[in-house]
Amino acid sequence: MFHTFYDTMIAQGRWLIIPKGLGTTLLIALCAVLIGSVLGGTFALLKLSKNRLLNRIANAYTTIIRGIPMATQLMIFYFVIFSPLGMTNAVVVAIISFGINSGAYCTEIFRAGIQGVDSGQMEAGRSLGLSWSQTMIRIIVPQAFRTILPTFTSEFITLIKETSVASFIAVVDLQKACDNIRNATYNAWIPLLSCAVIYLILTVGLTKFFAYFEHKMALTYKK
C-alpha cells in the first residue's frame, strides 16, 4: 500500500501541486467572502429601504443568483461575460463569480440579522438625535453581528467546499490538483481520498475555530 501511495503521490514530486491548489482554494474563498460581505451588506440595506425600486433591485439580485447553480454561474461569467472582454485570468473570474454568489446569501443573512433586532432600538436611537445611518451603524449592526456570526461563518465554510467547481474553468484549485494526479497516474482512490481528507480537516478545523471565537465573544458580551 505504501508503495502504491509513493508511486501515486510522492514520485516525481506530484504532491507539490496539492499545497498550491489548496492555496488557490483558500485565496478564492477568502476574497470571495470579502466581496460577498460588502455586497451582502449593501443589498441587505437596499432590501430594508422604503424605496420600492431599490427593493426590487435587491430582490432580483438575490432571486437570480440563488436560483442558478454555482457551476452554471461560473461558466456564464467566464465564457459568456469575461472571455469576450479579454479577461482570461480564471482565478480572478472565479473570485468575482464566487463573490457575487456569496453576496446573495450574505444579503439574506444580514437582512435577517438586522430585522431580528428589536425595532425599539431604532426608535431609541432616533429619539437620541441620531440619524438612521448612525443608529444602524452604532446600535443595530453591533447587535445584529452577534446573531448572524454563526450563519456567516457557516457560509464561509460552505464557500470553501463550493470552490471545488472552479476546476470547470481550468482553475488549478485543490480539487483540480488531485484530479491532475489522478489523470497522470490512473489511480483514482488515493488522490480523491487525499482531497477529501484535506477538505475535511480544513472544514472541521475552521468549524472548531469559529465555535471558539463565538464562545469568546459571548463571554465578552456577558461582561
Foldseek 3Di string as FASTA:
>chain_A
DVVVLCVLPVPPNLVVLQVVQAVLLVVLLVLLLVLLLVLLVVLLVLCVDPDVVSVVVSVVLLCVLVVDDLLVQLCCQAVPNVVVVVPLPLSVSSSVSSNSSSNSVSNVLLNVLLVVPDPVQQVVCVVVVDDNVRSCVPPRVVNSCLVSLVVSLVSSLVSSVVCLSSCVSPDSHNNNSLVVSCVVPVDNPSSVVVSVVVSVCVSVVSNVVSVVVSVVVVVVVVD
